[in-house]
Amino acid sequence: QVAPIRITNDLIPVTLYGDNIRALRAHDETNAALSHVFGQTVKLV
């Protein structure tokens, strides 16, 4: 409702409890809107 969830085809390495996982990242516009909502830089994957 805050930001359209648009996912790219870009796989990025993310860390979850020490596991390295490749995940699809959201578009920059989605991440910018979410960063504004949460008050810090965040990326949706």
ModelCIF file with pLDDT and N, C-alpha, C, O atoms, coordinates in Angstrom:
data_MODEL
#
_entry.id   MODEL 
#
_entity.id                         1 
_entity.type                       polymer 
_entity.pdbx_number_of_molecules   1 
#
_entity_poly.entity_id                      1 
_entity_poly.type                           'polypeptide(L)' 
_entity_poly.nstd_linkage                   no 
_entity_poly.nstd_monomer                   no 
_entity_poly.pdbx_seq_one_letter_code       QVAPIRITNDLIPVTLYGDNIRALRAHDETNAALSHVFGQTVKLV 
_entity_poly.pdbx_seq_one_letter_code_can   QVAPIRITNDLIPVTLYGDNIRALRAHDETNAALSHVFGQTVKLV 
_entity_poly.pdbx_strand_id                 A 
#
loop_
_entity_poly_seq.entity_id 
_entity_poly_seq.num 
_entity_poly_seq.mon_id 
_entity_poly_seq.hetero 
1 1  GLN n 
1 2  VAL n 
1 3  ALA n 
1 4  PRO n 
1 5  ILE n 
1 6  ARG n 
1 7  ILE n 
1 8  THR n 
1 9  ASN n 
1 10 ASP n 
1 11 LEU n 
1 12 ILE n 
1 13 PRO n 
1 14 VAL n 
1 15 THR n 
1 16 LEU n 
1 17 TYR n 
1 18 GLY n 
1 19 ASP n 
1 20 ASN n 
1 21 ILE n 
1 22 ARG n 
1 23 ALA n 
1 24 LEU n 
1 25 ARG n 
1 26 ALA n 
1 27 HIS n 
1 28 ASP n 
1 29 GLU n 
1 30 THR n 
1 31 ASN n 
1 32 ALA n 
1 33 ALA n 
1 34 LEU n 
1 35 SER n 
1 36 HIS n 
1 37 VAL n 
1 38 PHE n 
1 39 GLY n 
1 40 GLN n 
1 41 THR n 
1 42 VAL n 
1 43 LYS n 
1 44 LEU n 
1 45 VAL n 
#
_struct_asym.id          A 
_struct_asym.entity_id   1 
#
loop_
_ma_qa_metric.id 
_ma_qa_metric.mode 
_ma_qa_metric.name 
_ma_qa_metric.software_group_id 
_ma_qa_metric.type 
1 global pLDDT . pLDDT 
2 local  pLDDT . pLDDT 
#
_ma_qa_metric_global.metric_id      1 
_ma_qa_metric_global.metric_value   93.49 
_ma_qa_metric_global.model_id       1 
_ma_qa_metric_global.ordinal_id     1 
#
loop_
_ma_qa_metric_local.label_asym_id 
_ma_qa_metric_local.label_comp_id 
_ma_qa_metric_local.label_seq_id 
_ma_qa_metric_local.metric_id 
_ma_qa_metric_local.metric_value 
_ma_qa_metric_local.model_id 
_ma_qa_metric_local.ordinal_id 
A GLN 1  2 89.00 1 1  
A VAL 2  2 85.00 1 2  
A ALA 3  2 84.00 1 3  
A PRO 4  2 89.00 1 4  
A ILE 5  2 93.00 1 5  
A ARG 6  2 94.00 1 6  
A ILE 7  2 96.00 1 7  
A THR 8  2 96.00 1 8  
A ASN 9  2 95.00 1 9  
A ASP 10 2 94.00 1 10 
A LEU 11 2 96.00 1 11 
A ILE 12 2 96.00 1 12 
A PRO 13 2 96.00 1 13 
A VAL 14 2 96.00 1 14 
A THR 15 2 91.00 1 15 
A LEU 16 2 91.00 1 16 
A TYR 17 2 87.00 1 17 
A GLY 18 2 83.00 1 18 
A ASP 19 2 85.00 1 19 
A ASN 20 2 90.00 1 20 
A ILE 21 2 92.00 1 21 
A ARG 22 2 96.00 1 22 
A ALA 23 2 97.00 1 23 
A LEU 24 2 98.00 1 24 
A ARG 25 2 97.00 1 25 
A ALA 26 2 97.00 1 26 
A HIS 27 2 96.00 1 27 
A ASP 28 2 96.00 1 28 
A GLU 29 2 94.00 1 29 
A THR 30 2 94.00 1 30 
A ASN 31 2 96.00 1 31 
A ALA 32 2 95.00 1 32 
A ALA 33 2 93.00 1 33 
A LEU 34 2 94.00 1 34 
A SER 35 2 95.00 1 35 
A HIS 36 2 93.00 1 36 
A VAL 37 2 91.00 1 37 
A PHE 38 2 94.00 1 38 
A GLY 39 2 94.00 1 39 
A GLN 40 2 95.00 1 40 
A THR 41 2 96.00 1 41 
A VAL 42 2 96.00 1 42 
A LYS 43 2 97.00 1 43 
A LEU 44 2 97.00 1 44 
A VAL 45 2 98.00 1 45 
#
loop_
_atom_site.group_PDB 
_atom_site.id 
_atom_site.type_symbol 
_atom_site.label_atom_id 
_atom_site.label_alt_id 
_atom_site.label_comp_id 
_atom_site.label_asym_id 
_atom_site.label_entity_id 
_atom_site.label_seq_id 
_atom_site.pdbx_PDB_ins_code 
_atom_site.Cartn_x 
_atom_site.Cartn_y 
_atom_site.Cartn_z 
_atom_site.occupancy 
_atom_site.B_iso_or_equiv 
_atom_site.pdbx_formal_charge 
_atom_site.auth_seq_id 
_atom_site.auth_comp_id 
_atom_site.auth_asym_id 
_atom_site.auth_atom_id 
_atom_site.pdbx_PDB_model_num 
ATOM 1   N N  . GLN A 1 1  ? 0.823  -1.205  0.000   1.00 89.00 ? 1  GLN A N  1 
ATOM 2   C CA . GLN A 1 1  ? 0.000  0.000   0.000   1.00 89.00 ? 1  GLN A CA 1 
ATOM 3   C C  . GLN A 1 1  ? 0.861  1.260   0.000   1.00 89.00 ? 1  GLN A C  1 
ATOM 4   O O  . GLN A 1 1  ? 0.411  2.326   -0.422  1.00 89.00 ? 1  GLN A O  1 
ATOM 5   N N  . VAL A 1 2  ? 2.093  1.134   0.472   1.00 85.00 ? 2  VAL A N  1 
ATOM 6   C CA . VAL A 1 2  ? 3.016  2.271   0.523   1.00 85.00 ? 2  VAL A CA 1 
ATOM 7   C C  . VAL A 1 2  ? 3.834  2.376   -0.757  1.00 85.00 ? 2  VAL A C  1 
ATOM 8   O O  . VAL A 1 2  ? 4.068  3.471   -1.268  1.00 85.00 ? 2  VAL A O  1 
ATOM 9   N N  . ALA A 1 3  ? 4.261  1.240   -1.264  1.00 84.00 ? 3  ALA A N  1 
ATOM 10  C CA . ALA A 1 3  ? 5.122  1.220   -2.445  1.00 84.00 ? 3  ALA A CA 1 
ATOM 11  C C  . ALA A 1 3  ? 4.778  -0.008  -3.286  1.00 84.00 ? 3  ALA A C  1 
ATOM 12  O O  . ALA A 1 3  ? 4.665  -1.112  -2.753  1.00 84.00 ? 3  ALA A O  1 
ATOM 13  N N  . PRO A 1 4  ? 4.614  0.176   -4.585  1.00 89.00 ? 4  PRO A N  1 
ATOM 14  C CA . PRO A 1 4  ? 4.361  -1.000  -5.413  1.00 89.00 ? 4  PRO A CA 1 
ATOM 15  C C  . PRO A 1 4  ? 5.547  -1.958  -5.318  1.00 89.00 ? 4  PRO A C  1 
ATOM 16  O O  . PRO A 1 4  ? 6.703  -1.549  -5.429  1.00 89.00 ? 4  PRO A O  1 
ATOM 17  N N  . ILE A 1 5  ? 5.243  -3.221  -5.115  1.00 93.00 ? 5  ILE A N  1 
ATOM 18  C CA . ILE A 1 5  ? 6.316  -4.213  -4.986  1.00 93.00 ? 5  ILE A CA 1 
ATOM 19  C C  . ILE A 1 5  ? 6.685  -4.698  -6.380  1.00 93.00 ? 5  ILE A C  1 
ATOM 20  O O  . ILE A 1 5  ? 5.979  -5.488  -7.006  1.00 93.00 ? 5  ILE A O  1 
ATOM 21  N N  . ARG A 1 6  ? 7.812  -4.193  -6.829  1.00 94.00 ? 6  ARG A N  1 
ATOM 22  C CA . ARG A 1 6  ? 8.327  -4.583  -8.142  1.00 94.00 ? 6  ARG A CA 1 
ATOM 23  C C  . ARG A 1 6  ? 9.678  -5.235  -7.918  1.00 94.00 ? 6  ARG A C  1 
ATOM 24  O O  . ARG A 1 6  ? 10.579 -4.633  -7.335  1.00 94.00 ? 6  ARG A O  1 
ATOM 25  N N  . ILE A 1 7  ? 9.813  -6.465  -8.382  1.00 96.00 ? 7  ILE A N  1 
ATOM 26  C CA . ILE A 1 7  ? 11.030 -7.243  -8.190  1.00 96.00 ? 7  ILE A CA 1 
ATOM 27  C C  . ILE A 1 7  ? 11.802 -7.306  -9.503  1.00 96.00 ? 7  ILE A C  1 
ATOM 28  O O  . ILE A 1 7  ? 11.223 -7.534  -10.565 1.00 96.00 ? 7  ILE A O  1 
ATOM 29  N N  . THR A 1 8  ? 13.104 -7.103  -9.420  1.00 96.00 ? 8  THR A N  1 
ATOM 30  C CA . THR A 1 8  ? 13.955 -7.171  -10.609 1.00 96.00 ? 8  THR A CA 1 
ATOM 31  C C  . THR A 1 8  ? 14.370 -8.628  -10.847 1.00 96.00 ? 8  THR A C  1 
ATOM 32  O O  . THR A 1 8  ? 14.002 -9.523  -10.087 1.00 96.00 ? 8  THR A O  1 
ATOM 33  N N  . ASN A 1 9  ? 15.122 -8.841  -11.888 1.00 95.00 ? 9  ASN A N  1 
ATOM 34  C CA . ASN A 1 9  ? 15.731 -10.150 -12.151 1.00 95.00 ? 9  ASN A CA 1 
ATOM 35  C C  . ASN A 1 9  ? 17.154 -10.203 -11.622 1.00 95.00 ? 9  ASN A C  1 
ATOM 36  O O  . ASN A 1 9  ? 17.874 -11.170 -11.872 1.00 95.00 ? 9  ASN A O  1 
ATOM 37  N N  . ASP A 1 10 ? 17.570 -9.159  -10.884 1.00 94.00 ? 10 ASP A N  1 
ATOM 38  C CA . ASP A 1 10 ? 18.930 -9.076  -10.358 1.00 94.00 ? 10 ASP A CA 1 
ATOM 39  C C  . ASP A 1 10 ? 19.065 -9.910  -9.096  1.00 94.00 ? 10 ASP A C  1 
ATOM 40  O O  . ASP A 1 10 ? 18.390 -9.653  -8.100  1.00 94.00 ? 10 ASP A O  1 
ATOM 41  N N  . LEU A 1 11 ? 19.933 -10.905 -9.137  1.00 96.00 ? 11 LEU A N  1 
ATOM 42  C CA . LEU A 1 11 ? 20.232 -11.703 -7.951  1.00 96.00 ? 11 LEU A CA 1 
ATOM 43  C C  . LEU A 1 11 ? 21.358 -11.027 -7.186  1.00 96.00 ? 11 LEU A C  1 
ATOM 44  O O  . LEU A 1 11 ? 22.398 -10.707 -7.760  1.00 96.00 ? 11 LEU A O  1 
ATOM 45  N N  . ILE A 1 12 ? 21.156 -10.811 -5.897  1.00 96.00 ? 12 ILE A N  1 
ATOM 46  C CA . ILE A 1 12 ? 22.205 -10.241 -5.070  1.00 96.00 ? 12 ILE A CA 1 
ATOM 47  C C  . ILE A 1 12 ? 22.481 -11.198 -3.917  1.00 96.00 ? 12 ILE A C  1 
ATOM 48  O O  . ILE A 1 12 ? 21.582 -11.914 -3.476  1.00 96.00 ? 12 ILE A O  1 
ATOM 49  N N  . PRO A 1 13 ? 23.726 -11.218 -3.422  1.00 96.00 ? 13 PRO A N  1 
ATOM 50  C CA . PRO A 1 13 ? 24.015 -12.077 -2.264  1.00 96.00 ? 13 PRO A CA 1 
ATOM 51  C C  . PRO A 1 13 ? 23.517 -11.401 -0.991  1.00 96.00 ? 13 PRO A C  1 
ATOM 52  O O  . PRO A 1 13 ? 23.825 -10.236 -0.738  1.00 96.00 ? 13 PRO A O  1 
ATOM 53  N N  . VAL A 1 14 ? 22.748 -12.135 -0.191  1.00 96.00 ? 14 VAL A N  1 
ATOM 54  C CA . VAL A 1 14 ? 22.264 -11.630 1.090   1.00 96.00 ? 14 VAL A CA 1 
ATOM 55  C C  . VAL A 1 14 ? 22.696 -12.605 2.180   1.00 96.00 ? 14 VAL A C  1 
ATOM 56  O O  . VAL A 1 14 ? 22.955 -13.780 1.919   1.00 96.00 ? 14 VAL A O  1 
ATOM 57  N N  . THR A 1 15 ? 22.767 -12.094 3.401   1.00 91.00 ? 15 THR A N  1 
ATOM 58  C CA . THR A 1 15 ? 23.186 -12.919 4.533   1.00 91.00 ? 15 THR A CA 1 
ATOM 59  C C  . THR A 1 15 ? 22.030 -13.085 5.497   1.00 91.00 ? 15 THR A C  1 
ATOM 60  O O  . THR A 1 15 ? 21.408 -12.111 5.920   1.00 91.00 ? 15 THR A O  1 
ATOM 61  N N  . LEU A 1 16 ? 21.754 -14.335 5.837   1.00 91.00 ? 16 LEU A N  1 
ATOM 62  C CA . LEU A 1 16 ? 20.702 -14.682 6.785   1.00 91.00 ? 16 LEU A CA 1 
ATOM 63  C C  . LEU A 1 16 ? 21.301 -15.658 7.779   1.00 91.00 ? 16 LEU A C  1 
ATOM 64  O O  . LEU A 1 16 ? 21.551 -16.816 7.446   1.00 91.00 ? 16 LEU A O  1 
ATOM 65  N N  . TYR A 1 17 ? 21.532 -15.191 9.006   1.00 87.00 ? 17 TYR A N  1 
ATOM 66  C CA . TYR A 1 17 ? 22.134 -16.021 10.058  1.00 87.00 ? 17 TYR A CA 1 
ATOM 67  C C  . TYR A 1 17 ? 23.407 -16.728 9.585   1.00 87.00 ? 17 TYR A C  1 
ATOM 68  O O  . TYR A 1 17 ? 23.601 -17.915 9.849   1.00 87.00 ? 17 TYR A O  1 
ATOM 69  N N  . GLY A 1 18 ? 24.248 -16.008 8.902   1.00 83.00 ? 18 GLY A N  1 
ATOM 70  C CA . GLY A 1 18 ? 25.514 -16.568 8.440   1.00 83.00 ? 18 GLY A CA 1 
ATOM 71  C C  . GLY A 1 18 ? 25.428 -17.311 7.127   1.00 83.00 ? 18 GLY A C  1 
ATOM 72  O O  . GLY A 1 18 ? 26.457 -17.615 6.525   1.00 83.00 ? 18 GLY A O  1 
ATOM 73  N N  . ASP A 1 19 ? 24.215 -17.613 6.664   1.00 85.00 ? 19 ASP A N  1 
ATOM 74  C CA . ASP A 1 19 ? 24.054 -18.270 5.360   1.00 85.00 ? 19 ASP A CA 1 
ATOM 75  C C  . ASP A 1 19 ? 24.120 -17.211 4.270   1.00 85.00 ? 19 ASP A C  1 
ATOM 76  O O  . ASP A 1 19 ? 23.516 -16.144 4.380   1.00 85.00 ? 19 ASP A O  1 
ATOM 77  N N  . ASN A 1 20 ? 24.856 -17.524 3.228   1.00 90.00 ? 20 ASN A N  1 
ATOM 78  C CA . ASN A 1 20 ? 24.883 -16.650 2.059   1.00 90.00 ? 20 ASN A CA 1 
ATOM 79  C C  . ASN A 1 20 ? 23.890 -17.195 1.051   1.00 90.00 ? 20 ASN A C  1 
ATOM 80  O O  . ASN A 1 20 ? 23.998 -18.338 0.605   1.00 90.00 ? 20 ASN A O  1 
ATOM 81  N N  . ILE A 1 21 ? 22.924 -16.364 0.699   1.00 92.00 ? 21 ILE A N  1 
ATOM 82  C CA . ILE A 1 21 ? 21.826 -16.757 -0.175  1.00 92.00 ? 21 ILE A CA 1 
ATOM 83  C C  . ILE A 1 21 ? 21.740 -15.735 -1.301  1.00 92.00 ? 21 ILE A C  1 
ATOM 84  O O  . ILE A 1 21 ? 21.979 -14.547 -1.087  1.00 92.00 ? 21 ILE A O  1 
ATOM 85  N N  . ARG A 1 22 ? 21.405 -16.193 -2.476  1.00 96.00 ? 22 ARG A N  1 
ATOM 86  C CA . ARG A 1 22 ? 21.181 -15.269 -3.584  1.00 96.00 ? 22 ARG A CA 1 
ATOM 87  C C  . ARG A 1 22 ? 19.684 -14.988 -3.664  1.00 96.00 ? 22 ARG A C  1 
ATOM 88  O O  . ARG A 1 22 ? 18.869 -15.909 -3.719  1.00 96.00 ? 22 ARG A O  1 
ATOM 89  N N  . ALA A 1 23 ? 19.333 -13.702 -3.668  1.00 97.00 ? 23 ALA A N  1 
ATOM 90  C CA . ALA A 1 23 ? 17.928 -13.300 -3.670  1.00 97.00 ? 23 ALA A CA 1 
ATOM 91  C C  . ALA A 1 23 ? 17.698 -12.247 -4.745  1.00 97.00 ? 23 ALA A C  1 
ATOM 92  O O  . ALA A 1 23 ? 18.613 -11.529 -5.145  1.00 97.00 ? 23 ALA A O  1 
ATOM 93  N N  . LEU A 1 24 ? 16.460 -12.176 -5.198  1.00 98.00 ? 24 LEU A N  1 
ATOM 94  C CA . LEU A 1 24 ? 16.069 -11.165 -6.173  1.00 98.00 ? 24 LEU A CA 1 
ATOM 95  C C  . LEU A 1 24 ? 15.776 -9.864  -5.432  1.00 98.00 ? 24 LEU A C  1 
ATOM 96  O O  . LEU A 1 24 ? 15.060 -9.872  -4.430  1.00 98.00 ? 24 LEU A O  1 
ATOM 97  N N  . ARG A 1 25 ? 16.317 -8.756  -5.909  1.00 97.00 ? 25 ARG A N  1 
ATOM 98  C CA . ARG A 1 25 ? 16.097 -7.483  -5.223  1.00 97.00 ? 25 ARG A CA 1 
ATOM 99  C C  . ARG A 1 25 ? 14.944 -6.729  -5.860  1.00 97.00 ? 25 ARG A C  1 
ATOM 100 O O  . ARG A 1 25 ? 14.634 -6.893  -7.040  1.00 97.00 ? 25 ARG A O  1 
ATOM 101 N N  . ALA A 1 26 ? 14.323 -5.901  -5.040  1.00 97.00 ? 26 ALA A N  1 
ATOM 102 C CA . ALA A 1 26 ? 13.244 -5.044  -5.530  1.00 97.00 ? 26 ALA A CA 1 
ATOM 103 C C  . ALA A 1 26 ? 13.840 -3.883  -6.317  1.00 97.00 ? 26 ALA A C  1 
ATOM 104 O O  . ALA A 1 26 ? 15.022 -3.570  -6.183  1.00 97.00 ? 26 ALA A O  1 
ATOM 105 N N  . HIS A 1 27 ? 13.006 -3.248  -7.140  1.00 96.00 ? 27 HIS A N  1 
ATOM 106 C CA . HIS A 1 27 ? 13.420 -2.071  -7.903  1.00 96.00 ? 27 HIS A CA 1 
ATOM 107 C C  . HIS A 1 27 ? 13.839 -0.955  -6.947  1.00 96.00 ? 27 HIS A C  1 
ATOM 108 O O  . HIS A 1 27 ? 13.407 -0.905  -5.795  1.00 96.00 ? 27 HIS A O  1 
ATOM 109 N N  . ASP A 1 28 ? 14.683 -0.070  -7.448  1.00 96.00 ? 28 ASP A N  1 
ATOM 110 C CA . ASP A 1 28 ? 15.179 1.044   -6.644  1.00 96.00 ? 28 ASP A CA 1 
ATOM 111 C C  . ASP A 1 28 ? 14.039 1.904   -6.090  1.00 96.00 ? 28 ASP A C  1 
ATOM 112 O O  . ASP A 1 28 ? 14.121 2.376   -4.956  1.00 96.00 ? 28 ASP A O  1 
ATOM 113 N N  . GLU A 1 29 ? 12.977 2.112   -6.875  1.00 94.00 ? 29 GLU A N  1 
ATOM 114 C CA . GLU A 1 29 ? 11.853 2.939   -6.415  1.00 94.00 ? 29 GLU A CA 1 
ATOM 115 C C  . GLU A 1 29 ? 11.165 2.295   -5.209  1.00 94.00 ? 29 GLU A C  1 
ATOM 116 O O  . GLU A 1 29 ? 10.805 2.979   -4.251  1.00 94.00 ? 29 GLU A O  1 
ATOM 117 N N  . THR A 1 30 ? 10.990 0.991   -5.268  1.00 94.00 ? 30 THR A N  1 
ATOM 118 C CA . THR A 1 30 ? 10.378 0.268   -4.150  1.00 94.00 ? 30 THR A CA 1 
ATOM 119 C C  . THR A 1 30 ? 11.250 0.407   -2.913  1.00 94.00 ? 30 THR A C  1 
ATOM 120 O O  . THR A 1 30 ? 10.753 0.704   -1.827  1.00 94.00 ? 30 THR A O  1 
ATOM 121 N N  . ASN A 1 31 ? 12.545 0.192   -3.079  1.00 96.00 ? 31 ASN A N  1 
ATOM 122 C CA . ASN A 1 31 ? 13.468 0.261   -1.940  1.00 96.00 ? 31 ASN A CA 1 
ATOM 123 C C  . ASN A 1 31 ? 13.572 1.674   -1.373  1.00 96.00 ? 31 ASN A C  1 
ATOM 124 O O  . ASN A 1 31 ? 13.701 1.848   -0.161  1.00 96.00 ? 31 ASN A O  1 
ATOM 125 N N  . ALA A 1 32 ? 13.517 2.672   -2.231  1.00 95.00 ? 32 ALA A N  1 
ATOM 126 C CA . ALA A 1 32 ? 13.557 4.063   -1.743  1.00 95.00 ? 32 ALA A CA 1 
ATOM 127 C C  . ALA A 1 32 ? 12.319 4.372   -0.899  1.00 95.00 ? 32 ALA A C  1 
ATOM 128 O O  . ALA A 1 32 ? 12.426 5.004   0.152   1.00 95.00 ? 32 ALA A O  1 
ATOM 129 N N  . ALA A 1 33 ? 11.162 3.932   -1.351  1.00 93.00 ? 33 ALA A N  1 
ATOM 130 C CA . ALA A 1 33 ? 9.930  4.173   -0.595  1.00 93.00 ? 33 ALA A CA 1 
ATOM 131 C C  . ALA A 1 33 ? 9.965  3.440   0.739   1.00 93.00 ? 33 ALA A C  1 
ATOM 132 O O  . ALA A 1 33 ? 9.556  3.995   1.759   1.00 93.00 ? 33 ALA A O  1 
ATOM 133 N N  . LEU A 1 34 ? 10.447 2.205   0.744   1.00 94.00 ? 34 LEU A N  1 
ATOM 134 C CA . LEU A 1 34 ? 10.533 1.439   1.991   1.00 94.00 ? 34 LEU A CA 1 
ATOM 135 C C  . LEU A 1 34 ? 11.566 2.036   2.937   1.00 94.00 ? 34 LEU A C  1 
ATOM 136 O O  . LEU A 1 34 ? 11.360 2.047   4.151   1.00 94.00 ? 34 LEU A O  1 
ATOM 137 N N  . SER A 1 35 ? 12.663 2.528   2.401   1.00 95.00 ? 35 SER A N  1 
ATOM 138 C CA . SER A 1 35 ? 13.677 3.182   3.235   1.00 95.00 ? 35 SER A CA 1 
ATOM 139 C C  . SER A 1 35 ? 13.082 4.406   3.918   1.00 95.00 ? 35 SER A C  1 
ATOM 140 O O  . SER A 1 35 ? 13.394 4.690   5.074   1.00 95.00 ? 35 SER A O  1 
ATOM 141 N N  . HIS A 1 36 ? 12.232 5.124   3.208   1.00 93.00 ? 36 HIS A N  1 
ATOM 142 C CA . HIS A 1 36 ? 11.559 6.280   3.801   1.00 93.00 ? 36 HIS A CA 1 
ATOM 143 C C  . HIS A 1 36 ? 10.618 5.835   4.928   1.00 93.00 ? 36 HIS A C  1 
ATOM 144 O O  . HIS A 1 36 ? 10.585 6.453   5.992   1.00 93.00 ? 36 HIS A O  1 
ATOM 145 N N  . VAL A 1 37 ? 9.864  4.775   4.693   1.00 91.00 ? 37 VAL A N  1 
ATOM 146 C CA . VAL A 1 37 ? 8.924  4.261   5.707   1.00 91.00 ? 37 VAL A CA 1 
ATOM 147 C C  . VAL A 1 37 ? 9.664  3.831   6.971   1.00 91.00 ? 37 VAL A C  1 
ATOM 148 O O  . VAL A 1 37 ? 9.226  4.129   8.082   1.00 91.00 ? 37 VAL A O  1 
ATOM 149 N N  . PHE A 1 38 ? 10.788 3.130   6.802   1.00 94.00 ? 38 PHE A N  1 
ATOM 150 C CA . PHE A 1 38 ? 11.505 2.571   7.951   1.00 94.00 ? 38 PHE A CA 1 
ATOM 151 C C  . PHE A 1 38 ? 12.581 3.502   8.516   1.00 94.00 ? 38 PHE A C  1 
ATOM 152 O O  . PHE A 1 38 ? 13.177 3.198   9.549   1.00 94.00 ? 38 PHE A O  1 
ATOM 153 N N  . GLY A 1 39 ? 12.834 4.627   7.850   1.00 94.00 ? 39 GLY A N  1 
ATOM 154 C CA . GLY A 1 39 ? 13.775 5.607   8.383   1.00 94.00 ? 39 GLY A CA 1 
ATOM 155 C C  . GLY A 1 39 ? 15.235 5.206   8.284   1.00 94.00 ? 39 GLY A C  1 
ATOM 156 O O  . GLY A 1 39 ? 16.080 5.769   8.979   1.00 94.00 ? 39 GLY A O  1 
ATOM 157 N N  . GLN A 1 40 ? 15.538 4.256   7.443   1.00 95.00 ? 40 GLN A N  1 
ATOM 158 C CA . GLN A 1 40 ? 16.922 3.853   7.187   1.00 95.00 ? 40 GLN A CA 1 
ATOM 159 C C  . GLN A 1 40 ? 16.960 3.110   5.860   1.00 95.00 ? 40 GLN A C  1 
ATOM 160 O O  . GLN A 1 40 ? 15.923 2.706   5.334   1.00 95.00 ? 40 GLN A O  1 
ATOM 161 N N  . THR A 1 41 ? 18.154 2.934   5.327   1.00 96.00 ? 41 THR A N  1 
ATOM 162 C CA . THR A 1 41 ? 18.287 2.237   4.055   1.00 96.00 ? 41 THR A CA 1 
ATOM 163 C C  . THR A 1 41 ? 17.927 0.771   4.219   1.00 96.00 ? 41 THR A C  1 
ATOM 164 O O  . THR A 1 41 ? 18.540 0.047   5.003   1.00 96.00 ? 41 THR A O  1 
ATOM 165 N N  . VAL A 1 42 ? 16.929 0.350   3.469   1.00 96.00 ? 42 VAL A N  1 
ATOM 166 C CA . VAL A 1 42 ? 16.525 -1.057  3.444   1.00 96.00 ? 42 VAL A CA 1 
ATOM 167 C C  . VAL A 1 42 ? 16.309 -1.471  1.996   1.00 96.00 ? 42 VAL A C  1 
ATOM 168 O O  . VAL A 1 42 ? 16.041 -0.645  1.124   1.00 96.00 ? 42 VAL A O  1 
ATOM 169 N N  . LYS A 1 43 ? 16.432 -2.763  1.769   1.00 97.00 ? 43 LYS A N  1 
ATOM 170 C CA . LYS A 1 43 ? 16.115 -3.330  0.459   1.00 97.00 ? 43 LYS A CA 1 
ATOM 171 C C  . LYS A 1 43 ? 15.192 -4.518  0.678   1.00 97.00 ? 43 LYS A C  1 
ATOM 172 O O  . LYS A 1 43 ? 15.406 -5.331  1.577   1.00 97.00 ? 43 LYS A O  1 
ATOM 173 N N  . LEU A 1 44 ? 14.181 -4.604  -0.141  1.00 97.00 ? 44 LEU A N  1 
ATOM 174 C CA . LEU A 1 44 ? 13.295 -5.754  -0.132  1.00 97.00 ? 44 LEU A CA 1 
ATOM 175 C C  . LEU A 1 44 ? 13.876 -6.793  -1.088  1.00 97.00 ? 44 LEU A C  1 
ATOM 176 O O  . LEU A 1 44 ? 14.231 -6.475  -2.223  1.00 97.00 ? 44 LEU A O  1 
ATOM 177 N N  . VAL A 1 45 ? 13.968 -8.025  -0.624  1.00 98.00 ? 45 VAL A N  1 
ATOM 178 C CA . VAL A 1 45 ? 14.443 -9.108  -1.483  1.00 98.00 ? 45 VAL A CA 1 
ATOM 179 C C  . VAL A 1 45 ? 13.428 -10.249 -1.456  1.00 98.00 ? 45 VAL A C  1 
ATOM 180 O O  . VAL A 1 45 ? 13.628 -11.270 -2.114  1.00 98.00 ? 45 VAL A O  1 
#
